[in-house]
Amino acid sequence: MRLKEWLGYNLYKKLWVLLGKRPWTFISRDIWHQFEYVPIVILFAGGYYYATYGGDLLDLLIKFTIGYILGHFFWGRIYIKGQQGK
């Protein structure tokens, strides 16, 4: 038995159907566009905190990578309010 068959065809789709009824990136983009300044302030405050009280270089690299990935949720496609997954 293949792992894909054991987990079902699309585990990610099963998860987002149970939690939110839509892909999580769409939910995240809706929050971004409804409350644009809130995520910016949170990311700025987090960056300031880690720059001021931050740990070693590896810790900062991990935080940068998380921010880089989060930034790509919002670029590259046209925003469609209330977009549904297939």
PDB file of N, CA and C in Angstrom:
ATOM      1  N   MET A   1       0.845  -1.184   0.000  1.00  0.00           N
ATOM      2  CA  MET A   1       0.000   0.000   0.000  1.00  0.00           C
ATOM      3  C   MET A   1       0.888   1.244   0.000  1.00  0.00           C
ATOM      4  N   ARG A   2       0.602   2.151  -0.891  1.00  0.00           N
ATOM      5  CA  ARG A   2       1.371   3.386  -0.986  1.00  0.00           C
ATOM      6  C   ARG A   2       0.974   4.342   0.127  1.00  0.00           C
ATOM      7  N   LEU A   3       1.907   5.202   0.491  1.00  0.00           N
ATOM      8  CA  LEU A   3       1.653   6.183   1.542  1.00  0.00           C
ATOM      9  C   LEU A   3       0.533   7.135   1.151  1.00  0.00           C
ATOM     10  N   LYS A   4       0.495   7.522  -0.131  1.00  0.00           N
ATOM     11  CA  LYS A   4      -0.547   8.436  -0.608  1.00  0.00           C
ATOM     12  C   LYS A   4      -1.936   7.811  -0.453  1.00  0.00           C
ATOM     13  N   GLU A   5      -2.042   6.510  -0.733  1.00  0.00           N
ATOM     14  CA  GLU A   5      -3.324   5.827  -0.567  1.00  0.00           C
ATOM     15  C   GLU A   5      -3.698   5.720   0.899  1.00  0.00           C
ATOM     16  N   TRP A   6      -2.710   5.476   1.747  1.00  0.00           N
ATOM     17  CA  TRP A   6      -2.965   5.334   3.175  1.00  0.00           C
ATOM     18  C   TRP A   6      -3.436   6.646   3.792  1.00  0.00           C
ATOM     19  N   LEU A   7      -2.839   7.742   3.387  1.00  0.00           N
ATOM     20  CA  LEU A   7      -3.222   9.046   3.918  1.00  0.00           C
ATOM     21  C   LEU A   7      -4.430   9.625   3.206  1.00  0.00           C
ATOM     22  N   GLY A   8      -4.837   9.015   2.145  1.00  0.00           N
ATOM     23  CA  GLY A   8      -5.858   9.618   1.295  1.00  0.00           C
ATOM     24  C   GLY A   8      -5.123  10.395   0.223  1.00  0.00           C
ATOM     25  N   TYR A   9      -5.823  10.799  -0.792  1.00  0.00           N
ATOM     26  CA  TYR A   9      -5.132  11.410  -1.920  1.00  0.00           C
ATOM     27  C   TYR A   9      -4.500  12.739  -1.570  1.00  0.00           C
ATOM     28  N   ASN A  10      -5.200  13.572  -0.809  1.00  0.00           N
ATOM     29  CA  ASN A  10      -4.678  14.907  -0.559  1.00  0.00           C
ATOM     30  C   ASN A  10      -4.877  15.268   0.911  1.00  0.00           C
ATOM     31  N   LEU A  11      -3.870  15.006   1.729  1.00  0.00           N
ATOM     32  CA  LEU A  11      -3.945  15.262   3.163  1.00  0.00           C
ATOM     33  C   LEU A  11      -4.140  16.744   3.455  1.00  0.00           C
ATOM     34  N   TYR A  12      -3.448  17.609   2.721  1.00  0.00           N
ATOM     35  CA  TYR A  12      -3.581  19.053   2.950  1.00  0.00           C
ATOM     36  C   TYR A  12      -5.019  19.510   2.721  1.00  0.00           C
ATOM     37  N   LYS A  13      -5.642  19.021   1.659  1.00  0.00           N
ATOM     38  CA  LYS A  13      -7.030  19.409   1.380  1.00  0.00           C
ATOM     39  C   LYS A  13      -7.958  18.913   2.485  1.00  0.00           C
ATOM     40  N   LYS A  14      -7.725  17.708   2.989  1.00  0.00           N
ATOM     41  CA  LYS A  14      -8.542  17.203   4.090  1.00  0.00           C
ATOM     42  C   LYS A  14      -8.398  18.099   5.319  1.00  0.00           C
ATOM     43  N   LEU A  15      -7.188  18.553   5.599  1.00  0.00           N
ATOM     44  CA  LEU A  15      -6.966  19.416   6.759  1.00  0.00           C
ATOM     45  C   LEU A  15      -7.670  20.749   6.607  1.00  0.00           C
ATOM     46  N   TRP A  16      -7.542  21.390   5.435  1.00  0.00           N
ATOM     47  CA  TRP A  16      -8.166  22.708   5.319  1.00  0.00           C
ATOM     48  C   TRP A  16      -9.665  22.633   5.186  1.00  0.00           C
ATOM     49  N   VAL A  17     -10.205  21.496   4.744  1.00  0.00           N
ATOM     50  CA  VAL A  17     -11.657  21.339   4.737  1.00  0.00           C
ATOM     51  C   VAL A  17     -12.170  21.247   6.178  1.00  0.00           C
ATOM     52  N   LEU A  18     -11.411  20.588   7.049  1.00  0.00           N
ATOM     53  CA  LEU A  18     -11.803  20.490   8.452  1.00  0.00           C
ATOM     54  C   LEU A  18     -11.594  21.798   9.204  1.00  0.00           C
ATOM     55  N   LEU A  19     -10.528  22.517   8.896  1.00  0.00           N
ATOM     56  CA  LEU A  19     -10.155  23.722   9.640  1.00  0.00           C
ATOM     57  C   LEU A  19     -10.248  24.947   8.745  1.00  0.00           C
ATOM     58  N   GLY A  20     -11.399  25.550   8.652  1.00  0.00           N
ATOM     59  CA  GLY A  20     -11.542  26.795   7.917  1.00  0.00           C
ATOM     60  C   GLY A  20     -12.305  26.696   6.616  1.00  0.00           C
ATOM     61  N   LYS A  21     -12.494  25.502   6.096  1.00  0.00           N
ATOM     62  CA  LYS A  21     -13.252  25.259   4.856  1.00  0.00           C
ATOM     63  C   LYS A  21     -12.625  25.847   3.600  1.00  0.00           C
ATOM     64  N   ARG A  22     -11.470  26.478   3.721  1.00  0.00           N
ATOM     65  CA  ARG A  22     -10.753  27.061   2.576  1.00  0.00           C
ATOM     66  C   ARG A  22      -9.257  26.869   2.806  1.00  0.00           C
ATOM     67  N   PRO A  23      -8.443  26.951   1.747  1.00  0.00           N
ATOM     68  CA  PRO A  23      -6.992  26.873   1.944  1.00  0.00           C
ATOM     69  C   PRO A  23      -6.510  27.960   2.903  1.00  0.00           C
ATOM     70  N   TRP A  24      -5.558  27.610   3.752  1.00  0.00           N
ATOM     71  CA  TRP A  24      -5.090  28.524   4.789  1.00  0.00           C
ATOM     72  C   TRP A  24      -4.419  29.753   4.201  1.00  0.00           C
ATOM     73  N   THR A  25      -3.804  29.620   3.035  1.00  0.00           N
ATOM     74  CA  THR A  25      -3.199  30.802   2.420  1.00  0.00           C
ATOM     75  C   THR A  25      -4.270  31.805   2.012  1.00  0.00           C
ATOM     76  N   PHE A  26      -5.438  31.342   1.587  1.00  0.00           N
ATOM     77  CA  PHE A  26      -6.532  32.264   1.250  1.00  0.00           C
ATOM     78  C   PHE A  26      -7.043  32.971   2.499  1.00  0.00           C
ATOM     79  N   ILE A  27      -7.179  32.229   3.601  1.00  0.00           N
ATOM     80  CA  ILE A  27      -7.623  32.828   4.861  1.00  0.00           C
ATOM     81  C   ILE A  27      -6.614  33.867   5.324  1.00  0.00           C
ATOM     82  N   SER A  28      -5.335  33.525   5.237  1.00  0.00           N
ATOM     83  CA  SER A  28      -4.276  34.452   5.646  1.00  0.00           C
ATOM     84  C   SER A  28      -4.283  35.709   4.780  1.00  0.00           C
ATOM     85  N   ARG A  29      -4.488  35.557   3.476  1.00  0.00           N
ATOM     86  CA  ARG A  29      -4.542  36.729   2.588  1.00  0.00           C
ATOM     87  C   ARG A  29      -5.764  37.588   2.874  1.00  0.00           C
ATOM     88  N   ASP A  30      -6.899  36.978   3.221  1.00  0.00           N
ATOM     89  CA  ASP A  30      -8.085  37.760   3.588  1.00  0.00           C
ATOM     90  C   ASP A  30      -7.817  38.593   4.836  1.00  0.00           C
ATOM     91  N   ILE A  31      -7.183  37.992   5.840  1.00  0.00           N
ATOM     92  CA  ILE A  31      -6.846  38.737   7.062  1.00  0.00           C
ATOM     93  C   ILE A  31      -5.901  39.879   6.720  1.00  0.00           C
ATOM     94  N   TRP A  32      -4.922  39.607   5.869  1.00  0.00           N
ATOM     95  CA  TRP A  32      -3.964  40.645   5.480  1.00  0.00           C
ATOM     96  C   TRP A  32      -4.679  41.832   4.832  1.00  0.00           C
ATOM     97  N   HIS A  33      -5.609  41.568   3.931  1.00  0.00           N
ATOM     98  CA  HIS A  33      -6.268  42.651   3.207  1.00  0.00           C
ATOM     99  C   HIS A  33      -7.351  43.350   4.029  1.00  0.00           C
ATOM    100  N   GLN A  34      -7.930  42.679   5.011  1.00  0.00           N
ATOM    101  CA  GLN A  34      -8.936  43.327   5.848  1.00  0.00           C
ATOM    102  C   GLN A  34      -8.292  44.193   6.928  1.00  0.00           C
ATOM    103  N   PHE A  35      -7.161  43.750   7.457  1.00  0.00           N
ATOM    104  CA  PHE A  35      -6.485  44.457   8.543  1.00  0.00           C
ATOM    105  C   PHE A  35      -5.017  44.638   8.169  1.00  0.00           C
ATOM    106  N   GLU A  36      -4.749  45.440   7.137  1.00  0.00           N
ATOM    107  CA  GLU A  36      -3.398  45.521   6.582  1.00  0.00           C
ATOM    108  C   GLU A  36      -2.351  45.963   7.594  1.00  0.00           C
ATOM    109  N   TYR A  37      -2.691  46.915   8.438  1.00  0.00           N
ATOM    110  CA  TYR A  37      -1.681  47.461   9.340  1.00  0.00           C
ATOM    111  C   TYR A  37      -1.372  46.545  10.513  1.00  0.00           C
ATOM    112  N   VAL A  38      -2.298  45.679  10.895  1.00  0.00           N
ATOM    113  CA  VAL A  38      -2.068  44.802  12.045  1.00  0.00           C
ATOM    114  C   VAL A  38      -0.902  43.839  11.785  1.00  0.00           C
ATOM    115  N   PRO A  39      -0.889  43.070  10.674  1.00  0.00           N
ATOM    116  CA  PRO A  39       0.261  42.189  10.450  1.00  0.00           C
ATOM    117  C   PRO A  39       1.578  42.961  10.284  1.00  0.00           C
ATOM    118  N   ILE A  40       1.515  44.148   9.666  1.00  0.00           N
ATOM    119  CA  ILE A  40       2.735  44.936   9.493  1.00  0.00           C
ATOM    120  C   ILE A  40       3.285  45.357  10.844  1.00  0.00           C
ATOM    121  N   VAL A  41       2.410  45.827  11.736  1.00  0.00           N
ATOM    122  CA  VAL A  41       2.848  46.243  13.073  1.00  0.00           C
ATOM    123  C   VAL A  41       3.385  45.045  13.851  1.00  0.00           C
ATOM    124  N   ILE A  42       2.716  43.899  13.744  1.00  0.00           N
ATOM    125  CA  ILE A  42       3.186  42.702  14.450  1.00  0.00           C
ATOM    126  C   ILE A  42       4.555  42.268  13.930  1.00  0.00           C
ATOM    127  N   LEU A  43       4.731  42.240  12.604  1.00  0.00           N
ATOM    128  CA  LEU A  43       6.030  41.851  12.044  1.00  0.00           C
ATOM    129  C   LEU A  43       7.115  42.857  12.395  1.00  0.00           C
ATOM    130  N   PHE A  44       6.786  44.156  12.379  1.00  0.00           N
ATOM    131  CA  PHE A  44       7.753  45.185  12.756  1.00  0.00           C
ATOM    132  C   PHE A  44       8.144  45.045  14.224  1.00  0.00           C
ATOM    133  N   ALA A  45       7.146  44.860  15.093  1.00  0.00           N
ATOM    134  CA  ALA A  45       7.425  44.715  16.525  1.00  0.00           C
ATOM    135  C   ALA A  45       8.253  43.459  16.788  1.00  0.00           C
ATOM    136  N   GLY A  46       7.926  42.375  16.080  1.00  0.00           N
ATOM    137  CA  GLY A  46       8.715  41.153  16.233  1.00  0.00           C
ATOM    138  C   GLY A  46      10.146  41.339  15.764  1.00  0.00           C
ATOM    139  N   GLY A  47      10.328  42.031  14.639  1.00  0.00           N
ATOM    140  CA  GLY A  47      11.678  42.309  14.149  1.00  0.00           C
ATOM    141  C   GLY A  47      12.461  43.187  15.103  1.00  0.00           C
ATOM    142  N   TYR A  48      11.812  44.197  15.661  1.00  0.00           N
ATOM    143  CA  TYR A  48      12.473  45.072  16.640  1.00  0.00           C
ATOM    144  C   TYR A  48      12.864  44.283  17.887  1.00  0.00           C
ATOM    145  N   TYR A  49      11.943  43.438  18.364  1.00  0.00           N
ATOM    146  CA  TYR A  49      12.223  42.642  19.561  1.00  0.00           C
ATOM    147  C   TYR A  49      13.423  41.725  19.336  1.00  0.00           C
ATOM    148  N   TYR A  50      13.434  41.010  18.204  1.00  0.00           N
ATOM    149  CA  TYR A  50      14.535  40.085  17.951  1.00  0.00           C
ATOM    150  C   TYR A  50      15.841  40.808  17.660  1.00  0.00           C
ATOM    151  N   ALA A  51      15.768  42.000  17.078  1.00  0.00           N
ATOM    152  CA  ALA A  51      16.992  42.771  16.848  1.00  0.00           C
ATOM    153  C   ALA A  51      17.548  43.297  18.166  1.00  0.00           C
ATOM    154  N   THR A  52      16.663  43.659  19.090  1.00  0.00           N
ATOM    155  CA  THR A  52      17.101  44.212  20.367  1.00  0.00           C
ATOM    156  C   THR A  52      17.521  43.121  21.342  1.00  0.00           C
ATOM    157  N   TYR A  53      16.698  42.105  21.479  1.00  0.00           N
ATOM    158  CA  TYR A  53      16.943  41.064  22.479  1.00  0.00           C
ATOM    159  C   TYR A  53      17.265  39.719  21.846  1.00  0.00           C
ATOM    160  N   GLY A  54      17.566  39.726  20.566  1.00  0.00           N
ATOM    161  CA  GLY A  54      17.725  38.487  19.811  1.00  0.00           C
ATOM    162  C   GLY A  54      18.889  37.630  20.281  1.00  0.00           C
ATOM    163  N   GLY A  55      18.850  36.406  19.836  1.00  0.00           N
ATOM    164  CA  GLY A  55      19.879  35.448  20.206  1.00  0.00           C
ATOM    165  C   GLY A  55      21.007  35.427  19.195  1.00  0.00           C
ATOM    166  N   ASP A  56      21.450  34.253  18.869  1.00  0.00           N
ATOM    167  CA  ASP A  56      22.584  34.085  17.974  1.00  0.00           C
ATOM    168  C   ASP A  56      22.169  34.216  16.504  1.00  0.00           C
ATOM    169  N   LEU A  57      23.124  34.052  15.631  1.00  0.00           N
ATOM    170  CA  LEU A  57      22.899  34.227  14.197  1.00  0.00           C
ATOM    171  C   LEU A  57      21.927  33.191  13.637  1.00  0.00           C
ATOM    172  N   LEU A  58      22.009  31.957  14.104  1.00  0.00           N
ATOM    173  CA  LEU A  58      21.099  30.917  13.621  1.00  0.00           C
ATOM    174  C   LEU A  58      19.652  31.261  13.966  1.00  0.00           C
ATOM    175  N   ASP A  59      19.437  31.769  15.159  1.00  0.00           N
ATOM    176  CA  ASP A  59      18.099  32.177  15.576  1.00  0.00           C
ATOM    177  C   ASP A  59      17.564  33.275  14.654  1.00  0.00           C
ATOM    178  N   LEU A  60      18.383  34.262  14.350  1.00  0.00           N
ATOM    179  CA  LEU A  60      17.960  35.343  13.462  1.00  0.00           C
ATOM    180  C   LEU A  60      17.703  34.838  12.046  1.00  0.00           C
ATOM    181  N   LEU A  61      18.508  33.885  11.588  1.00  0.00           N
ATOM    182  CA  LEU A  61      18.307  33.306  10.261  1.00  0.00           C
ATOM    183  C   LEU A  61      16.969  32.570  10.179  1.00  0.00           C
ATOM    184  N   ILE A  62      16.617  31.857  11.233  1.00  0.00           N
ATOM    185  CA  ILE A  62      15.330  31.154  11.266  1.00  0.00           C
ATOM    186  C   ILE A  62      14.178  32.151  11.228  1.00  0.00           C
ATOM    187  N   LYS A  63      14.280  33.228  12.002  1.00  0.00           N
ATOM    188  CA  LYS A  63      13.221  34.251  12.011  1.00  0.00           C
ATOM    189  C   LYS A  63      13.101  34.925  10.643  1.00  0.00           C
ATOM    190  N   PHE A  64      14.230  35.204  10.006  1.00  0.00           N
ATOM    191  CA  PHE A  64      14.205  35.813   8.675  1.00  0.00           C
ATOM    192  C   PHE A  64      13.522  34.887   7.672  1.00  0.00           C
ATOM    193  N   THR A  65      13.827  33.593   7.736  1.00  0.00           N
ATOM    194  CA  THR A  65      13.235  32.624   6.822  1.00  0.00           C
ATOM    195  C   THR A  65      11.722  32.557   6.995  1.00  0.00           C
ATOM    196  N   ILE A  66      11.251  32.584   8.234  1.00  0.00           N
ATOM    197  CA  ILE A  66       9.809  32.582   8.491  1.00  0.00           C
ATOM    198  C   ILE A  66       9.171  33.828   7.889  1.00  0.00           C
ATOM    199  N   GLY A  67       9.774  34.992   8.082  1.00  0.00           N
ATOM    200  CA  GLY A  67       9.248  36.228   7.509  1.00  0.00           C
ATOM    201  C   GLY A  67       9.258  36.209   5.993  1.00  0.00           C
ATOM    202  N   TYR A  68      10.304  35.642   5.413  1.00  0.00           N
ATOM    203  CA  TYR A  68      10.414  35.538   3.956  1.00  0.00           C
ATOM    204  C   TYR A  68       9.279  34.686   3.388  1.00  0.00           C
ATOM    205  N   ILE A  69       9.007  33.556   4.037  1.00  0.00           N
ATOM    206  CA  ILE A  69       7.925  32.676   3.590  1.00  0.00           C
ATOM    207  C   ILE A  69       6.579  33.365   3.758  1.00  0.00           C
ATOM    208  N   LEU A  70       6.352  34.027   4.894  1.00  0.00           N
ATOM    209  CA  LEU A  70       5.087  34.733   5.116  1.00  0.00           C
ATOM    210  C   LEU A  70       4.882  35.832   4.085  1.00  0.00           C
ATOM    211  N   GLY A  71       5.944  36.508   3.678  1.00  0.00           N
ATOM    212  CA  GLY A  71       5.830  37.553   2.672  1.00  0.00           C
ATOM    213  C   GLY A  71       5.350  37.028   1.334  1.00  0.00           C
ATOM    214  N   HIS A  72       5.677  35.785   1.011  1.00  0.00           N
ATOM    215  CA  HIS A  72       5.279  35.224  -0.278  1.00  0.00           C
ATOM    216  C   HIS A  72       3.824  34.776  -0.321  1.00  0.00           C
ATOM    217  N   PHE A  73       3.139  34.780   0.822  1.00  0.00           N
ATOM    218  CA  PHE A  73       1.702  34.512   0.795  1.00  0.00           C
ATOM    219  C   PHE A  73       0.956  35.606   0.048  1.00  0.00           C
ATOM    220  N   PHE A  74       1.516  36.796  -0.003  1.00  0.00           N
ATOM    221  CA  PHE A  74       0.765  37.962  -0.442  1.00  0.00           C
ATOM    222  C   PHE A  74       1.226  38.516  -1.780  1.00  0.00           C
ATOM    223  N   TRP A  75       2.225  37.898  -2.407  1.00  0.00           N
ATOM    224  CA  TRP A  75       2.707  38.388  -3.685  1.00  0.00           C
ATOM    225  C   TRP A  75       2.504  37.330  -4.752  1.00  0.00           C
ATOM    226  N   GLY A  76       2.307  37.772  -5.975  1.00  0.00           N
ATOM    227  CA  GLY A  76       2.318  36.852  -7.095  1.00  0.00           C
ATOM    228  C   GLY A  76       0.978  36.583  -7.733  1.00  0.00           C
ATOM    229  N   ARG A  77      -0.097  36.726  -7.010  1.00  0.00           N
ATOM    230  CA  ARG A  77      -1.414  36.488  -7.590  1.00  0.00           C
ATOM    231  C   ARG A  77      -2.342  37.635  -7.229  1.00  0.00           C
ATOM    232  N   ILE A  78      -3.340  37.819  -8.061  1.00  0.00           N
ATOM    233  CA  ILE A  78      -4.331  38.862  -7.810  1.00  0.00           C
ATOM    234  C   ILE A  78      -5.189  38.436  -6.626  1.00  0.00           C
ATOM    235  N   TYR A  79      -5.435  39.367  -5.709  1.00  0.00           N
ATOM    236  CA  TYR A  79      -6.264  39.087  -4.541  1.00  0.00           C
ATOM    237  C   TYR A  79      -7.734  39.039  -4.937  1.00  0.00           C
ATOM    238  N   ILE A  80      -8.408  37.960  -4.557  1.00  0.00           N
ATOM    239  CA  ILE A  80      -9.841  37.800  -4.795  1.00  0.00           C
ATOM    240  C   ILE A  80     -10.490  37.601  -3.434  1.00  0.00           C
ATOM    241  N   LYS A  81     -11.322  38.554  -3.024  1.00  0.00           N
ATOM    242  CA  LYS A  81     -11.944  38.491  -1.702  1.00  0.00           C
ATOM    243  C   LYS A  81     -12.828  37.252  -1.588  1.00  0.00           C
ATOM    244  N   GLY A  82     -12.635  36.488  -0.495  1.00  0.00           N
ATOM    245  CA  GLY A  82     -13.449  35.295  -0.256  1.00  0.00           C
ATOM    246  C   GLY A  82     -13.175  34.142  -1.196  1.00  0.00           C
ATOM    247  N   GLN A  83     -11.974  34.078  -1.774  1.00  0.00           N
ATOM    248  CA  GLN A  83     -11.630  33.040  -2.745  1.00  0.00           C
ATOM    249  C   GLN A  83     -11.765  31.654  -2.123  1.00  0.00           C
ATOM    250  N   GLN A  84     -12.337  30.724  -2.861  1.00  0.00           N
ATOM    251  CA  GLN A  84     -12.546  29.357  -2.399  1.00  0.00           C
ATOM    252  C   GLN A  84     -11.548  28.425  -3.075  1.00  0.00           C
ATOM    253  N   GLY A  85     -11.190  27.356  -2.398  1.00  0.00           N
ATOM    254  CA  GLY A  85     -10.305  26.354  -2.973  1.00  0.00           C
ATOM    255  C   GLY A  85     -11.068  25.398  -3.868  1.00  0.00           C
ATOM    256  N   LYS A  86     -10.338  24.651  -4.678  1.00  0.00           N
ATOM    257  CA  LYS A  86     -10.982  23.698  -5.592  1.00  0.00           C
ATOM    258  C   LYS A  86     -11.069  22.338  -4.943  1.00  0.00           C
TER     259      LYS A  86
END
